[in-house]
Amino acid sequence: MDRTSPLGSSRTSSGSGANPGANPGANPASAKVEDVAHAAHQAADRIADKAASQVDRLSGTAHRAVNSAAEAASSAAEWASTVPEQAKQVQARLTEAASASIRERPIAIVAGALVIGYLLGRIGS
């Protein structure tokens, strides 16, 4: 069996396999183009990887900011919902204190109200 191959036979090259019968050193321009294309592809991959990691990092930061804002809004809404109840409690305490004061000295309170009413009437005239 003859192990030599004649010219033009199918021989695999060390290149990309686009031209199987070609000698790898036969077309240096094609090899350069392939090298540049490969380098550009690697650079694009590196840039894409870096961009993806930055997007992931920024996405995490945005999610944390949204969660923080939601927690603050929830806390503010909870506080705001307690304000009317607190106002009712304060009003009830003031009403009770005024009623107790009137019950203790009804004549003094009525006399004081008359004096205040008279003074306000004199100021307005």
Protein backbone atom coordinates (compact mmCIF):
# COMPACT_ATOMS: atom_id res chain seq x y z
CA MET A 1 0.00 0.00 0.00
CA ASP A 2 1.33 3.42 -1.00
CA ARG A 3 1.17 6.03 1.78
CA THR A 4 2.03 9.02 -0.33
CA SER A 5 -0.77 11.13 -1.66
CA PRO A 6 -0.68 12.71 -5.06
CA LEU A 7 -1.10 16.44 -5.56
CA GLY A 8 -4.72 17.56 -5.53
CA SER A 9 -5.84 14.76 -3.25
CA SER A 10 -7.99 15.51 -0.25
CA ARG A 11 -5.65 16.56 2.54
CA THR A 12 -6.83 18.32 5.73
CA SER A 13 -5.12 21.59 6.39
CA SER A 14 -4.34 23.10 9.77
CA GLY A 15 -6.54 26.09 8.90
CA SER A 16 -10.32 26.41 9.08
CA GLY A 17 -11.04 23.66 6.55
CA ALA A 18 -12.53 26.07 4.01
CA ASN A 19 -10.09 24.94 1.32
CA PRO A 20 -9.05 21.37 2.16
CA GLY A 21 -6.62 20.89 -0.72
CA ALA A 22 -4.73 24.13 -0.16
CA ASN A 23 -1.34 24.37 1.44
CA PRO A 24 -1.53 26.38 4.70
CA GLY A 25 1.29 28.67 3.64
CA ALA A 26 -0.03 29.14 0.11
CA ASN A 27 -2.38 32.09 0.84
CA PRO A 28 -0.96 34.35 3.59
CA ALA A 29 -3.64 37.03 3.05
CA SER A 30 -6.40 34.51 3.77
CA ALA A 31 -4.61 33.36 6.91
CA LYS A 32 -4.23 36.96 8.07
CA VAL A 33 -7.91 37.65 7.47
CA GLU A 34 -8.80 34.55 9.46
CA ASP A 35 -6.47 35.61 12.30
CA VAL A 36 -7.96 39.10 12.39
CA ALA A 37 -11.49 37.70 12.29
CA HIS A 38 -10.65 35.31 15.12
CA ALA A 39 -9.12 38.13 17.19
CA ALA A 40 -12.16 40.33 16.54
CA HIS A 41 -14.45 37.51 17.59
CA GLN A 42 -12.50 36.99 20.82
CA ALA A 43 -12.58 40.74 21.52
CA ALA A 44 -16.34 40.83 20.91
CA ASP A 45 -16.78 37.89 23.28
CA ARG A 46 -14.73 39.62 26.00
CA ILE A 47 -16.71 42.84 25.57
CA ALA A 48 -20.01 40.95 25.67
CA ASP A 49 -18.94 39.13 28.85
CA LYS A 50 -17.94 42.39 30.53
CA ALA A 51 -21.18 44.08 29.41
CA ALA A 52 -23.23 41.16 30.72
CA SER A 53 -21.52 41.32 34.11
CA GLN A 54 -22.07 45.09 34.29
CA VAL A 55 -25.74 44.68 33.35
CA ASP A 56 -26.11 42.02 36.06
CA ARG A 57 -24.44 44.28 38.62
CA LEU A 58 -26.58 47.29 37.66
CA SER A 59 -29.70 45.15 37.63
CA GLY A 60 -28.95 44.02 41.18
CA THR A 61 -28.40 47.62 42.25
CA ALA A 62 -31.68 48.70 40.63
CA HIS A 63 -33.56 45.86 42.32
CA ARG A 64 -32.14 46.83 45.71
CA ALA A 65 -33.11 50.48 45.12
CA VAL A 66 -36.64 49.53 44.11
CA ASN A 67 -37.01 47.25 47.12
CA SER A 68 -35.73 49.99 49.42
CA ALA A 69 -38.15 52.53 47.94
CA ALA A 70 -41.02 50.06 48.26
CA GLU A 71 -40.17 49.44 51.90
CA ALA A 72 -40.01 53.18 52.59
CA ALA A 73 -43.36 53.76 50.84
CA SER A 74 -44.93 50.89 52.76
CA SER A 75 -43.60 52.26 56.03
CA ALA A 76 -44.88 55.77 55.21
CA ALA A 77 -48.30 54.40 54.25
CA GLU A 78 -48.47 52.42 57.47
CA TRP A 79 -47.56 55.52 59.50
CA ALA A 80 -50.09 57.65 57.58
CA SER A 81 -52.83 55.12 58.25
CA THR A 82 -52.25 55.49 62.01
CA VAL A 83 -52.49 59.31 61.99
CA PRO A 84 -56.32 59.54 61.91
CA GLU A 85 -56.60 57.08 64.80
CA GLN A 86 -54.04 59.07 66.80
CA ALA A 87 -55.94 62.30 66.05
CA LYS A 88 -59.17 60.71 67.29
CA GLN A 89 -57.43 59.61 70.48
CA VAL A 90 -56.04 63.12 71.09
CA GLN A 91 -59.47 64.65 70.44
CA ALA A 92 -61.08 62.19 72.86
CA ARG A 93 -58.50 63.02 75.58
CA LEU A 94 -58.97 66.78 75.11
CA THR A 95 -62.77 66.45 75.20
CA GLU A 96 -62.59 64.36 78.35
CA ALA A 97 -60.19 66.82 80.02
CA ALA A 98 -62.44 69.78 79.12
CA SER A 99 -65.55 67.94 80.38
CA ALA A 100 -63.84 67.07 83.66
CA SER A 101 -62.74 70.69 84.11
CA ILE A 102 -66.26 71.98 83.45
CA ARG A 103 -67.77 69.47 85.91
CA GLU A 104 -65.32 70.51 88.64
CA ARG A 105 -65.99 74.31 88.36
CA PRO A 106 -68.97 75.03 86.17
CA ILE A 107 -69.57 78.58 87.41
CA ALA A 108 -65.93 79.65 86.92
CA ILE A 109 -65.90 78.20 83.39
CA VAL A 110 -69.14 79.93 82.39
CA ALA A 111 -67.92 83.25 83.89
CA GLY A 112 -64.61 82.91 82.06
CA ALA A 113 -66.42 82.21 78.77
CA LEU A 114 -68.59 85.33 79.27
CA VAL A 115 -65.53 87.50 79.94
CA ILE A 116 -63.72 86.16 76.87
CA GLY A 117 -66.82 86.68 74.72
CA TYR A 118 -67.21 90.27 75.98
CA LEU A 119 -63.52 91.08 75.28
CA LEU A 120 -63.67 89.57 71.78
CA GLY A 121 -66.82 91.60 71.09
CA ARG A 122 -65.09 94.83 72.19
CA ILE A 123 -62.04 94.12 70.03
CA GLY A 124 -64.18 93.42 66.92
CA SER A 125 -66.15 96.68 67.27
